[in-house]
PDB file of N, CA and C in Angstrom:
ATOM      1  N   MET A   1     -28.788  -9.696  19.130  1.00  0.00           N
ATOM      2  CA  MET A   1     -28.430 -10.946  18.309  1.00  0.00           C
ATOM      3  C   MET A   1     -28.009 -10.046  17.191  1.00  0.00           C
ATOM      4  N   ILE A   2     -28.919  -8.934  16.265  1.00  0.00           N
ATOM      5  CA  ILE A   2     -28.800  -8.396  15.147  1.00  0.00           C
ATOM      6  C   ILE A   2     -26.903  -8.183  15.147  1.00  0.00           C
ATOM      7  N   ILE A   3     -26.748  -7.692  16.231  1.00  0.00           N
ATOM      8  CA  ILE A   3     -25.417  -6.919  16.320  1.00  0.00           C
ATOM      9  C   ILE A   3     -24.437  -7.781  16.315  1.00  0.00           C
ATOM     10  N   VAL A   4     -24.553  -8.662  16.738  1.00  0.00           N
ATOM     11  CA  VAL A   4     -23.347  -9.896  17.026  1.00  0.00           C
ATOM     12  C   VAL A   4     -23.372 -10.594  15.605  1.00  0.00           C
ATOM     13  N   TYR A   5     -24.339 -10.451  15.039  1.00  0.00           N
ATOM     14  CA  TYR A   5     -24.318 -11.614  13.840  1.00  0.00           C
ATOM     15  C   TYR A   5     -23.571 -10.459  12.408  1.00  0.00           C
ATOM     16  N   SER A   6     -23.790  -9.304  12.471  1.00  0.00           N
ATOM     17  CA  SER A   6     -23.021  -8.408  11.827  1.00  0.00           C
ATOM     18  C   SER A   6     -21.656  -8.472  12.330  1.00  0.00           C
ATOM     19  N   PHE A   7     -21.529  -8.219  13.204  1.00  0.00           N
ATOM     20  CA  PHE A   7     -20.131  -8.339  13.687  1.00  0.00           C
ATOM     21  C   PHE A   7     -19.500  -9.771  13.842  1.00  0.00           C
ATOM     22  N   PHE A   8     -20.265 -10.719  13.834  1.00  0.00           N
ATOM     23  CA  PHE A   8     -19.379 -11.684  13.056  1.00  0.00           C
ATOM     24  C   PHE A   8     -19.379 -12.122  11.650  1.00  0.00           C
ATOM     25  N   LYS A   9     -20.080 -11.479  10.791  1.00  0.00           N
ATOM     26  CA  LYS A   9     -19.638 -11.072   9.135  1.00  0.00           C
ATOM     27  C   LYS A   9     -19.071 -10.058   9.005  1.00  0.00           C
ATOM     28  N   ASP A  10     -18.511  -9.648  10.014  1.00  0.00           N
ATOM     29  CA  ASP A  10     -17.596  -8.059   9.367  1.00  0.00           C
ATOM     30  C   ASP A  10     -16.429  -9.128   9.542  1.00  0.00           C
ATOM     31  N   TRP A  11     -16.267  -9.536  10.436  1.00  0.00           N
ATOM     32  CA  TRP A  11     -15.073 -10.547  11.183  1.00  0.00           C
ATOM     33  C   TRP A  11     -14.857 -11.718  10.021  1.00  0.00           C
ATOM     34  N   GLN A  12     -15.406 -12.307   9.489  1.00  0.00           N
ATOM     35  CA  GLN A  12     -15.687 -13.193   8.120  1.00  0.00           C
ATOM     36  C   GLN A  12     -14.873 -12.761   6.973  1.00  0.00           C
ATOM     37  N   ARG A  13     -15.492 -11.573   6.944  1.00  0.00           N
ATOM     38  CA  ARG A  13     -14.838 -10.543   5.687  1.00  0.00           C
ATOM     39  C   ARG A  13     -13.628 -10.174   5.659  1.00  0.00           C
ATOM     40  N   ILE A  14     -13.110  -9.845   7.024  1.00  0.00           N
ATOM     41  CA  ILE A  14     -11.959  -9.566   7.247  1.00  0.00           C
ATOM     42  C   ILE A  14     -11.146 -10.360   7.073  1.00  0.00           C
ATOM     43  N   ILE A  15     -11.415 -11.977   7.406  1.00  0.00           N
ATOM     44  CA  ILE A  15     -10.407 -12.520   7.341  1.00  0.00           C
ATOM     45  C   ILE A  15      -9.770 -13.009   6.122  1.00  0.00           C
ATOM     46  N   LYS A  16     -11.451 -13.155   5.473  1.00  0.00           N
ATOM     47  CA  LYS A  16     -11.406 -13.661   3.770  1.00  0.00           C
ATOM     48  C   LYS A  16     -10.342 -12.341   2.832  1.00  0.00           C
ATOM     49  N   VAL A  17      -9.967 -11.383   3.506  1.00  0.00           N
ATOM     50  CA  VAL A  17      -9.704 -10.668   2.590  1.00  0.00           C
ATOM     51  C   VAL A  17      -8.143 -10.469   3.400  1.00  0.00           C
ATOM     52  N   SER A  18      -7.931 -10.836   4.382  1.00  0.00           N
ATOM     53  CA  SER A  18      -6.420 -11.039   4.650  1.00  0.00           C
ATOM     54  C   SER A  18      -5.849 -12.152   4.329  1.00  0.00           C
ATOM     55  N   LEU A  19      -6.781 -13.532   3.955  1.00  0.00           N
ATOM     56  CA  LEU A  19      -6.182 -14.767   3.406  1.00  0.00           C
ATOM     57  C   LEU A  19      -5.932 -14.520   2.211  1.00  0.00           C
ATOM     58  N   THR A  20      -6.712 -13.559   1.370  1.00  0.00           N
ATOM     59  CA  THR A  20      -6.482 -13.302  -0.275  1.00  0.00           C
ATOM     60  C   THR A  20      -5.607 -12.472   0.039  1.00  0.00           C
ATOM     61  N   GLU A  21      -5.006 -11.808   0.909  1.00  0.00           N
ATOM     62  CA  GLU A  21      -4.260 -10.887   0.680  1.00  0.00           C
ATOM     63  C   GLU A  21      -2.644 -11.257   0.512  1.00  0.00           C
ATOM     64  N   ARG A  22      -3.032 -12.826   1.718  1.00  0.00           N
ATOM     65  CA  ARG A  22      -1.741 -13.446   1.997  1.00  0.00           C
ATOM     66  C   ARG A  22      -0.915 -14.028   0.858  1.00  0.00           C
ATOM     67  N   MET A  23      -2.359 -14.673   0.570  1.00  0.00           N
ATOM     68  CA  MET A  23      -1.854 -15.320  -1.250  1.00  0.00           C
ATOM     69  C   MET A  23      -1.392 -14.793  -2.466  1.00  0.00           C
ATOM     70  N   ILE A  24      -1.896 -13.658  -2.309  1.00  0.00           N
ATOM     71  CA  ILE A  24      -0.962 -12.588  -3.359  1.00  0.00           C
ATOM     72  C   ILE A  24       0.055 -12.173  -3.152  1.00  0.00           C
ATOM     73  N   MET A  25       0.283 -12.206  -1.826  1.00  0.00           N
ATOM     74  CA  MET A  25       1.564 -11.317  -1.474  1.00  0.00           C
ATOM     75  C   MET A  25       2.376 -12.962  -1.658  1.00  0.00           C
ATOM     76  N   ASN A  26       2.348 -14.281  -1.305  1.00  0.00           N
ATOM     77  CA  ASN A  26       2.994 -15.425  -1.670  1.00  0.00           C
ATOM     78  C   ASN A  26       3.659 -15.317  -2.936  1.00  0.00           C
ATOM     79  N   LYS A  27       2.238 -14.821  -3.866  1.00  0.00           N
ATOM     80  CA  LYS A  27       2.494 -15.199  -5.327  1.00  0.00           C
ATOM     81  C   LYS A  27       3.351 -14.128  -5.879  1.00  0.00           C
ATOM     82  N   VAL A  28       3.218 -12.927  -5.220  1.00  0.00           N
ATOM     83  CA  VAL A  28       4.341 -11.929  -5.836  1.00  0.00           C
ATOM     84  C   VAL A  28       6.154 -11.876  -5.444  1.00  0.00           C
ATOM     85  N   GLN A  29       5.841 -12.804  -4.216  1.00  0.00           N
ATOM     86  CA  GLN A  29       7.269 -13.190  -3.528  1.00  0.00           C
ATOM     87  C   GLN A  29       7.927 -13.908  -4.512  1.00  0.00           C
ATOM     88  N   ALA A  30       7.347 -15.102  -5.129  1.00  0.00           N
ATOM     89  CA  ALA A  30       7.815 -15.797  -6.375  1.00  0.00           C
ATOM     90  C   ALA A  30       8.207 -15.290  -7.454  1.00  0.00           C
ATOM     91  N   ASN A  31       7.906 -14.049  -7.610  1.00  0.00           N
ATOM     92  CA  ASN A  31       8.259 -13.590  -9.048  1.00  0.00           C
ATOM     93  C   ASN A  31       8.964 -12.307  -8.981  1.00  0.00           C
ATOM     94  N   GLU A  32       9.404 -11.659  -9.966  1.00  0.00           N
ATOM     95  CA  GLU A  32      10.275 -10.691  -9.787  1.00  0.00           C
ATOM     96  C   GLU A  32       9.153  -9.654  -9.525  1.00  0.00           C
ATOM     97  N   ILE A  33       9.471  -8.407  -9.161  1.00  0.00           N
ATOM     98  CA  ILE A  33       8.722  -7.511  -8.970  1.00  0.00           C
ATOM     99  C   ILE A  33       8.983  -5.969 -10.009  1.00  0.00           C
ATOM    100  N   ASN A  34       7.922  -6.157 -10.931  1.00  0.00           N
ATOM    101  CA  ASN A  34       8.313  -5.011 -11.875  1.00  0.00           C
ATOM    102  C   ASN A  34       7.846  -3.554 -11.593  1.00  0.00           C
ATOM    103  N   LEU A  35       8.607  -2.387 -11.390  1.00  0.00           N
ATOM    104  CA  LEU A  35       7.438  -1.249 -11.267  1.00  0.00           C
ATOM    105  C   LEU A  35       7.575   0.169 -12.303  1.00  0.00           C
ATOM    106  N   THR A  36       6.438   0.387 -12.569  1.00  0.00           N
ATOM    107  CA  THR A  36       6.428   1.598 -13.008  1.00  0.00           C
ATOM    108  C   THR A  36       7.237   2.693 -13.117  1.00  0.00           C
ATOM    109  N   THR A  37       7.319   3.874 -13.389  1.00  0.00           N
ATOM    110  CA  THR A  37       8.117   5.130 -13.123  1.00  0.00           C
ATOM    111  C   THR A  37       7.275   5.307 -12.107  1.00  0.00           C
ATOM    112  N   ASN A  38       6.246   5.531 -12.329  1.00  0.00           N
ATOM    113  CA  ASN A  38       4.912   6.314 -11.253  1.00  0.00           C
ATOM    114  C   ASN A  38       5.039   5.528  -9.711  1.00  0.00           C
ATOM    115  N   GLU A  39       4.987   3.899  -9.849  1.00  0.00           N
ATOM    116  CA  GLU A  39       5.181   3.210  -8.598  1.00  0.00           C
ATOM    117  C   GLU A  39       6.202   3.323  -7.963  1.00  0.00           C
ATOM    118  N   ALA A  40       7.629   3.484  -9.055  1.00  0.00           N
ATOM    119  CA  ALA A  40       8.541   3.610  -8.197  1.00  0.00           C
ATOM    120  C   ALA A  40       8.687   4.922  -7.249  1.00  0.00           C
ATOM    121  N   LEU A  41       8.601   5.885  -8.154  1.00  0.00           N
ATOM    122  CA  LEU A  41       8.044   7.330  -7.097  1.00  0.00           C
ATOM    123  C   LEU A  41       7.341   7.642  -6.403  1.00  0.00           C
ATOM    124  N   VAL A  42       6.183   6.745  -6.318  1.00  0.00           N
ATOM    125  CA  VAL A  42       5.120   6.914  -4.942  1.00  0.00           C
ATOM    126  C   VAL A  42       5.765   5.936  -3.850  1.00  0.00           C
ATOM    127  N   LEU A  43       6.084   4.788  -4.099  1.00  0.00           N
ATOM    128  CA  LEU A  43       7.103   3.918  -3.391  1.00  0.00           C
ATOM    129  C   LEU A  43       7.869   5.064  -2.651  1.00  0.00           C
ATOM    130  N   GLN A  44       8.931   5.676  -3.449  1.00  0.00           N
ATOM    131  CA  GLN A  44       9.963   6.524  -2.675  1.00  0.00           C
ATOM    132  C   GLN A  44       9.123   7.517  -1.717  1.00  0.00           C
ATOM    133  N   GLN A  45       7.958   8.291  -2.351  1.00  0.00           N
ATOM    134  CA  GLN A  45       7.973   9.028  -1.457  1.00  0.00           C
ATOM    135  C   GLN A  45       6.813   9.126   0.123  1.00  0.00           C
ATOM    136  N   VAL A  46       6.487   7.972  -0.364  1.00  0.00           N
ATOM    137  CA  VAL A  46       5.639   7.065   0.909  1.00  0.00           C
ATOM    138  C   VAL A  46       6.706   7.014   1.909  1.00  0.00           C
ATOM    139  N   TYR A  47       8.245   6.333   1.590  1.00  0.00           N
ATOM    140  CA  TYR A  47       8.929   5.836   2.250  1.00  0.00           C
ATOM    141  C   TYR A  47       9.452   7.335   2.860  1.00  0.00           C
ATOM    142  N   GLU A  48       9.802   8.214   2.345  1.00  0.00           N
ATOM    143  CA  GLU A  48      10.482   9.256   2.786  1.00  0.00           C
ATOM    144  C   GLU A  48       9.603   9.796   3.746  1.00  0.00           C
ATOM    145  N   ASP A  49       8.156   9.461   3.232  1.00  0.00           N
ATOM    146  CA  ASP A  49       7.019  10.441   4.542  1.00  0.00           C
ATOM    147  C   ASP A  49       6.917   9.513   5.740  1.00  0.00           C
ATOM    148  N   GLY A  50       6.979   8.500   5.767  1.00  0.00           N
ATOM    149  CA  GLY A  50       6.543   7.086   6.379  1.00  0.00           C
ATOM    150  C   GLY A  50       5.252   6.688   6.289  1.00  0.00           C
ATOM    151  N   GLY A  51       4.283   7.667   5.378  1.00  0.00           N
ATOM    152  CA  GLY A  51       2.900   7.508   5.118  1.00  0.00           C
ATOM    153  C   GLY A  51       2.420   8.399   4.701  1.00  0.00           C
ATOM    154  N   ASP A  52       1.289   8.398   3.949  1.00  0.00           N
ATOM    155  CA  ASP A  52       0.338   9.713   3.594  1.00  0.00           C
ATOM    156  C   ASP A  52      -0.696   9.375   3.289  1.00  0.00           C
ATOM    157  N   ASP A  53      -1.660  10.659   3.286  1.00  0.00           N
ATOM    158  CA  ASP A  53      -2.846  10.347   2.816  1.00  0.00           C
ATOM    159  C   ASP A  53      -2.849  10.552   1.706  1.00  0.00           C
ATOM    160  N   ALA A  54      -3.862   9.772   0.941  1.00  0.00           N
ATOM    161  CA  ALA A  54      -4.016   9.352  -0.617  1.00  0.00           C
ATOM    162  C   ALA A  54      -3.910  10.514  -0.973  1.00  0.00           C
ATOM    163  N   ALA A  55      -4.924  11.622  -0.984  1.00  0.00           N
ATOM    164  CA  ALA A  55      -5.372  12.581  -1.814  1.00  0.00           C
ATOM    165  C   ALA A  55      -4.041  13.534  -0.867  1.00  0.00           C
ATOM    166  N   VAL A  56      -3.252  13.639  -0.625  1.00  0.00           N
ATOM    167  CA  VAL A  56      -2.270  14.562  -0.403  1.00  0.00           C
ATOM    168  C   VAL A  56      -0.908  14.241  -1.416  1.00  0.00           C
ATOM    169  N   LEU A  57      -0.952  12.849  -1.066  1.00  0.00           N
ATOM    170  CA  LEU A  57      -0.053  12.018  -2.088  1.00  0.00           C
ATOM    171  C   LEU A  57      -0.068  12.529  -3.291  1.00  0.00           C
ATOM    172  N   ALA A  58      -1.476  12.381  -4.036  1.00  0.00           N
ATOM    173  CA  ALA A  58      -1.462  12.932  -5.255  1.00  0.00           C
ATOM    174  C   ALA A  58      -1.047  14.150  -5.677  1.00  0.00           C
ATOM    175  N   ALA A  59      -1.301  15.100  -4.917  1.00  0.00           N
ATOM    176  CA  ALA A  59      -1.498  16.576  -5.001  1.00  0.00           C
ATOM    177  C   ALA A  59       0.411  16.494  -4.737  1.00  0.00           C
ATOM    178  N   GLN A  60       1.056  15.881  -3.782  1.00  0.00           N
ATOM    179  CA  GLN A  60       2.477  16.175  -3.558  1.00  0.00           C
ATOM    180  C   GLN A  60       3.261  15.465  -4.616  1.00  0.00           C
ATOM    181  N   MET A  61       2.566  14.723  -5.632  1.00  0.00           N
ATOM    182  CA  MET A  61       3.288  14.090  -6.897  1.00  0.00           C
ATOM    183  C   MET A  61       2.929  14.457  -8.036  1.00  0.00           C
ATOM    184  N   GLY A  62       1.811  15.460  -8.260  1.00  0.00           N
ATOM    185  CA  GLY A  62       1.305  16.074  -9.334  1.00  0.00           C
ATOM    186  C   GLY A  62       0.451  14.980 -10.279  1.00  0.00           C
ATOM    187  N   MET A  63       0.084  14.490  -9.337  1.00  0.00           N
ATOM    188  CA  MET A  63      -0.864  13.398 -10.221  1.00  0.00           C
ATOM    189  C   MET A  63      -2.467  13.705 -10.469  1.00  0.00           C
ATOM    190  N   PRO A  64      -2.818  13.529 -11.210  1.00  0.00           N
ATOM    191  CA  PRO A  64      -4.422  13.417 -10.898  1.00  0.00           C
ATOM    192  C   PRO A  64      -4.955  12.001  -9.509  1.00  0.00           C
ATOM    193  N   ARG A  65      -5.550  12.477  -8.926  1.00  0.00           N
ATOM    194  CA  ARG A  65      -5.978  11.535  -7.573  1.00  0.00           C
ATOM    195  C   ARG A  65      -6.283  10.359  -8.731  1.00  0.00           C
ATOM    196  N   ARG A  66      -7.385  10.151  -9.668  1.00  0.00           N
ATOM    197  CA  ARG A  66      -7.422   9.112 -10.037  1.00  0.00           C
ATOM    198  C   ARG A  66      -6.167   8.320 -10.295  1.00  0.00           C
ATOM    199  N   THR A  67      -5.225   8.784 -11.163  1.00  0.00           N
ATOM    200  CA  THR A  67      -4.043   8.153 -11.649  1.00  0.00           C
ATOM    201  C   THR A  67      -3.473   7.519 -10.361  1.00  0.00           C
ATOM    202  N   ALA A  68      -3.354   8.376  -8.813  1.00  0.00           N
ATOM    203  CA  ALA A  68      -2.676   8.317  -8.513  1.00  0.00           C
ATOM    204  C   ALA A  68      -3.518   6.795  -7.323  1.00  0.00           C
ATOM    205  N   MET A  69      -4.761   6.729  -7.296  1.00  0.00           N
ATOM    206  CA  MET A  69      -5.132   5.631  -6.863  1.00  0.00           C
ATOM    207  C   MET A  69      -5.051   4.387  -7.998  1.00  0.00           C
ATOM    208  N   HIS A  70      -4.719   4.249  -8.919  1.00  0.00           N
ATOM    209  CA  HIS A  70      -4.279   3.379  -9.631  1.00  0.00           C
ATOM    210  C   HIS A  70      -3.444   2.829  -9.766  1.00  0.00           C
ATOM    211  N   VAL A  71      -2.526   3.541  -9.406  1.00  0.00           N
ATOM    212  CA  VAL A  71      -0.927   3.162  -8.980  1.00  0.00           C
ATOM    213  C   VAL A  71      -1.041   2.535  -7.446  1.00  0.00           C
ATOM    214  N   LEU A  72      -1.120   3.439  -6.127  1.00  0.00           N
ATOM    215  CA  LEU A  72      -1.730   2.680  -5.325  1.00  0.00           C
ATOM    216  C   LEU A  72      -2.332   1.252  -5.234  1.00  0.00           C
ATOM    217  N   ALA A  73      -3.402   1.282  -5.461  1.00  0.00           N
ATOM    218  CA  ALA A  73      -3.915  -0.081  -5.722  1.00  0.00           C
ATOM    219  C   ALA A  73      -3.087  -1.250  -6.996  1.00  0.00           C
ATOM    220  N   ASP A  74      -2.234  -1.019  -7.578  1.00  0.00           N
ATOM    221  CA  ASP A  74      -1.246  -1.657  -8.230  1.00  0.00           C
ATOM    222  C   ASP A  74       0.010  -2.186  -7.022  1.00  0.00           C
ATOM    223  N   LEU A  75       0.261  -1.044  -6.310  1.00  0.00           N
ATOM    224  CA  LEU A  75       1.248  -1.601  -5.423  1.00  0.00           C
ATOM    225  C   LEU A  75       0.700  -2.165  -4.432  1.00  0.00           C
ATOM    226  N   ARG A  76      -0.818  -2.239  -3.888  1.00  0.00           N
ATOM    227  CA  ARG A  76      -1.069  -3.131  -3.057  1.00  0.00           C
ATOM    228  C   ARG A  76      -1.165  -4.183  -3.570  1.00  0.00           C
ATOM    229  N   HIS A  77      -1.214  -4.427  -4.735  1.00  0.00           N
ATOM    230  CA  HIS A  77      -1.338  -5.971  -5.283  1.00  0.00           C
ATOM    231  C   HIS A  77      -0.303  -6.698  -4.997  1.00  0.00           C
ATOM    232  N   LYS A  78       0.774  -5.830  -5.540  1.00  0.00           N
ATOM    233  CA  LYS A  78       2.013  -6.559  -5.748  1.00  0.00           C
ATOM    234  C   LYS A  78       2.411  -6.761  -3.893  1.00  0.00           C
ATOM    235  N   GLY A  79       1.696  -6.360  -3.058  1.00  0.00           N
ATOM    236  CA  GLY A  79       2.235  -6.593  -1.796  1.00  0.00           C
ATOM    237  C   GLY A  79       3.220  -5.132  -1.237  1.00  0.00           C
ATOM    238  N   LEU A  80       3.206  -4.602  -1.772  1.00  0.00           N
ATOM    239  CA  LEU A  80       4.053  -3.183  -1.211  1.00  0.00           C
ATOM    240  C   LEU A  80       3.546  -2.087  -0.520  1.00  0.00           C
ATOM    241  N   MET A  81       2.575  -2.260  -0.800  1.00  0.00           N
ATOM    242  CA  MET A  81       1.555  -1.060  -0.404  1.00  0.00           C
ATOM    243  C   MET A  81       0.507  -1.517   0.635  1.00  0.00           C
ATOM    244  N   ALA A  82      -0.067  -0.841   1.854  1.00  0.00           N
ATOM    245  CA  ALA A  82      -0.960  -1.247   2.543  1.00  0.00           C
ATOM    246  C   ALA A  82      -2.034   0.138   2.579  1.00  0.00           C
ATOM    247  N   ILE A  83      -3.314  -0.005   2.214  1.00  0.00           N
ATOM    248  CA  ILE A  83      -4.164   0.884   2.351  1.00  0.00           C
ATOM    249  C   ILE A  83      -5.228   0.925   3.311  1.00  0.00           C
ATOM    250  N   ASP A  84      -5.525   2.054   4.381  1.00  0.00           N
ATOM    251  CA  ASP A  84      -6.310   1.667   5.248  1.00  0.00           C
ATOM    252  C   ASP A  84      -7.451   2.807   5.122  1.00  0.00           C
ATOM    253  N   GLN A  85      -8.707   2.366   4.964  1.00  0.00           N
ATOM    254  CA  GLN A  85      -9.963   3.842   4.983  1.00  0.00           C
ATOM    255  C   GLN A  85     -10.271   3.770   6.796  1.00  0.00           C
ATOM    256  N   ALA A  86     -10.312   4.999   6.662  1.00  0.00           N
ATOM    257  CA  ALA A  86     -11.288   5.454   8.038  1.00  0.00           C
ATOM    258  C   ALA A  86     -11.492   6.949   7.550  1.00  0.00           C
ATOM    259  N   TYR A  87     -12.796   6.757   7.810  1.00  0.00           N
ATOM    260  CA  TYR A  87     -13.930   8.435   8.346  1.00  0.00           C
ATOM    261  C   TYR A  87     -13.304   8.888   6.592  1.00  0.00           C
ATOM    262  N   GLY A  88     -13.936   8.081   5.654  1.00  0.00           N
ATOM    263  CA  GLY A  88     -13.953   8.288   3.978  1.00  0.00           C
ATOM    264  C   GLY A  88     -12.408   8.517   3.163  1.00  0.00           C
ATOM    265  N   ASP A  89     -11.137   8.864   4.320  1.00  0.00           N
ATOM    266  CA  ASP A  89      -9.915   8.960   3.841  1.00  0.00           C
ATOM    267  C   ASP A  89      -9.275   8.072   3.742  1.00  0.00           C
ATOM    268  N   ALA A  90      -8.052   7.614   2.831  1.00  0.00           N
ATOM    269  CA  ALA A  90      -7.437   6.748   2.549  1.00  0.00           C
ATOM    270  C   ALA A  90      -5.733   6.864   2.879  1.00  0.00           C
ATOM    271  N   TRP A  91      -5.535   6.112   3.604  1.00  0.00           N
ATOM    272  CA  TRP A  91      -3.727   6.738   4.338  1.00  0.00           C
ATOM    273  C   TRP A  91      -3.269   5.304   4.009  1.00  0.00           C
ATOM    274  N   VAL A  92      -2.040   5.650   3.219  1.00  0.00           N
ATOM    275  CA  VAL A  92      -1.040   4.585   2.562  1.00  0.00           C
ATOM    276  C   VAL A  92       0.127   4.494   3.416  1.00  0.00           C
ATOM    277  N   ARG A  93       0.385   3.485   3.494  1.00  0.00           N
ATOM    278  CA  ARG A  93       1.948   2.863   4.298  1.00  0.00           C
ATOM    279  C   ARG A  93       2.423   1.972   3.646  1.00  0.00           C
ATOM    280  N   LEU A  94       3.965   1.946   3.611  1.00  0.00           N
ATOM    281  CA  LEU A  94       4.495   0.853   3.289  1.00  0.00           C
ATOM    282  C   LEU A  94       4.302  -0.456   3.712  1.00  0.00           C
ATOM    283  N   THR A  95       4.514  -1.597   3.008  1.00  0.00           N
ATOM    284  CA  THR A  95       4.486  -3.049   3.743  1.00  0.00           C
ATOM    285  C   THR A  95       5.969  -3.267   3.902  1.00  0.00           C
ATOM    286  N   THR A  96       6.415  -3.917   5.233  1.00  0.00           N
ATOM    287  CA  THR A  96       7.797  -4.287   5.176  1.00  0.00           C
ATOM    288  C   THR A  96       8.292  -4.868   3.980  1.00  0.00           C
ATOM    289  N   ARG A  97       7.804  -5.452   3.298  1.00  0.00           N
ATOM    290  CA  ARG A  97       8.126  -5.615   1.941  1.00  0.00           C
ATOM    291  C   ARG A  97       8.601  -4.696   0.441  1.00  0.00           C
ATOM    292  N   GLY A  98       7.389  -3.399   0.903  1.00  0.00           N
ATOM    293  CA  GLY A  98       7.691  -2.294   0.624  1.00  0.00           C
ATOM    294  C   GLY A  98       8.761  -1.623   0.907  1.00  0.00           C
ATOM    295  N   LYS A  99       9.479  -1.723   2.124  1.00  0.00           N
ATOM    296  CA  LYS A  99      10.072  -0.690   2.642  1.00  0.00           C
ATOM    297  C   LYS A  99      11.648  -1.771   2.428  1.00  0.00           C
ATOM    298  N   GLN A 100      11.574  -2.817   2.298  1.00  0.00           N
ATOM    299  CA  GLN A 100      13.006  -3.170   1.732  1.00  0.00           C
ATOM    300  C   GLN A 100      13.268  -3.512   0.366  1.00  0.00           C
ATOM    301  N   LEU A 101      12.053  -3.202  -0.305  1.00  0.00           N
ATOM    302  CA  LEU A 101      12.666  -2.746  -1.688  1.00  0.00           C
ATOM    303  C   LEU A 101      13.061  -1.254  -2.033  1.00  0.00           C
ATOM    304  N   VAL A 102      12.362  -0.585  -1.487  1.00  0.00           N
ATOM    305  CA  VAL A 102      13.094   1.020  -1.416  1.00  0.00           C
ATOM    306  C   VAL A 102      14.654   1.117  -0.828  1.00  0.00           C
ATOM    307  N   GLN A 103      14.442  -0.036   0.304  1.00  0.00           N
ATOM    308  CA  GLN A 103      16.331   0.326   0.814  1.00  0.00           C
ATOM    309  C   GLN A 103      17.156  -0.266  -0.342  1.00  0.00           C
ATOM    310  N   ARG A 104      16.605  -1.402  -0.996  1.00  0.00           N
ATOM    311  CA  ARG A 104      17.449  -2.322  -1.797  1.00  0.00           C
ATOM    312  C   ARG A 104      17.810  -1.466  -3.042  1.00  0.00           C
ATOM    313  N   ILE A 105      16.525  -1.150  -3.568  1.00  0.00           N
ATOM    314  CA  ILE A 105      16.853   0.262  -4.538  1.00  0.00           C
ATOM    315  C   ILE A 105      17.589   1.681  -4.772  1.00  0.00           C
ATOM    316  N   TRP A 106      17.008   2.163  -3.269  1.00  0.00           N
ATOM    317  CA  TRP A 106      17.595   3.184  -3.145  1.00  0.00           C
ATOM    318  C   TRP A 106      18.039   3.323  -1.372  1.00  0.00           C
ATOM    319  N   PRO A 107      19.378   2.739  -1.712  1.00  0.00           N
ATOM    320  CA  PRO A 107      20.121   2.490   0.095  1.00  0.00           C
ATOM    321  C   PRO A 107      20.378   3.909   0.763  1.00  0.00           C
ATOM    322  N   GLU A 108      20.510   5.184  -0.461  1.00  0.00           N
ATOM    323  CA  GLU A 108      20.224   6.433   0.654  1.00  0.00           C
ATOM    324  C   GLU A 108      19.257   6.787   1.289  1.00  0.00           C
ATOM    325  N   ALA A 109      18.328   6.093   0.481  1.00  0.00           N
ATOM    326  CA  ALA A 109      16.605   6.526   1.360  1.00  0.00           C
ATOM    327  C   ALA A 109      16.774   6.253   2.977  1.00  0.00           C
ATOM    328  N   GLN A 110      17.651   5.289   3.439  1.00  0.00           N
ATOM    329  CA  GLN A 110      17.257   4.891   4.624  1.00  0.00           C
ATOM    330  C   GLN A 110      17.643   6.277   5.376  1.00  0.00           C
ATOM    331  N   ALA A 111      19.062   7.048   4.688  1.00  0.00           N
ATOM    332  CA  ALA A 111      19.419   7.821   5.412  1.00  0.00           C
ATOM    333  C   ALA A 111      18.327   9.247   5.667  1.00  0.00           C
ATOM    334  N   ILE A 112      17.932   9.442   4.276  1.00  0.00           N
ATOM    335  CA  ILE A 112      16.421  10.519   4.267  1.00  0.00           C
ATOM    336  C   ILE A 112      15.181   9.862   5.386  1.00  0.00           C
ATOM    337  N   ALA A 113      15.033   9.473   5.469  1.00  0.00           N
ATOM    338  CA  ALA A 113      13.977   8.432   6.183  1.00  0.00           C
ATOM    339  C   ALA A 113      14.325   8.401   7.486  1.00  0.00           C
ATOM    340  N   ALA A 114      15.468   8.562   8.047  1.00  0.00           N
ATOM    341  CA  ALA A 114      15.773   8.352   9.488  1.00  0.00           C
ATOM    342  C   ALA A 114      15.536   9.494   9.949  1.00  0.00           C
TER     343      ALA A 114
END
């Protein structure tokens, strides 16, 4: 009984997070997206790599890990980046919206990522 209850609570939490992210994404879609230089560079790097471990990405970008995590969190809030956590690692990938933005900003990026 305890396992079922725990499982149910976890699903409730996941659904709440999913709905909150959808609301944020819809809000962002209504507004123009402004990117910092770091955000644009991270978007381009993740687009080219297809996804990255957050720690590896920070090292590739030459950023302190803390700075990279703030940039990733900001991109996530803008609906451009998804962050998946597993076994203590954070794996980042672009959302469909993030990919579309990179393709619009840097059309040549499509050839690089292909």
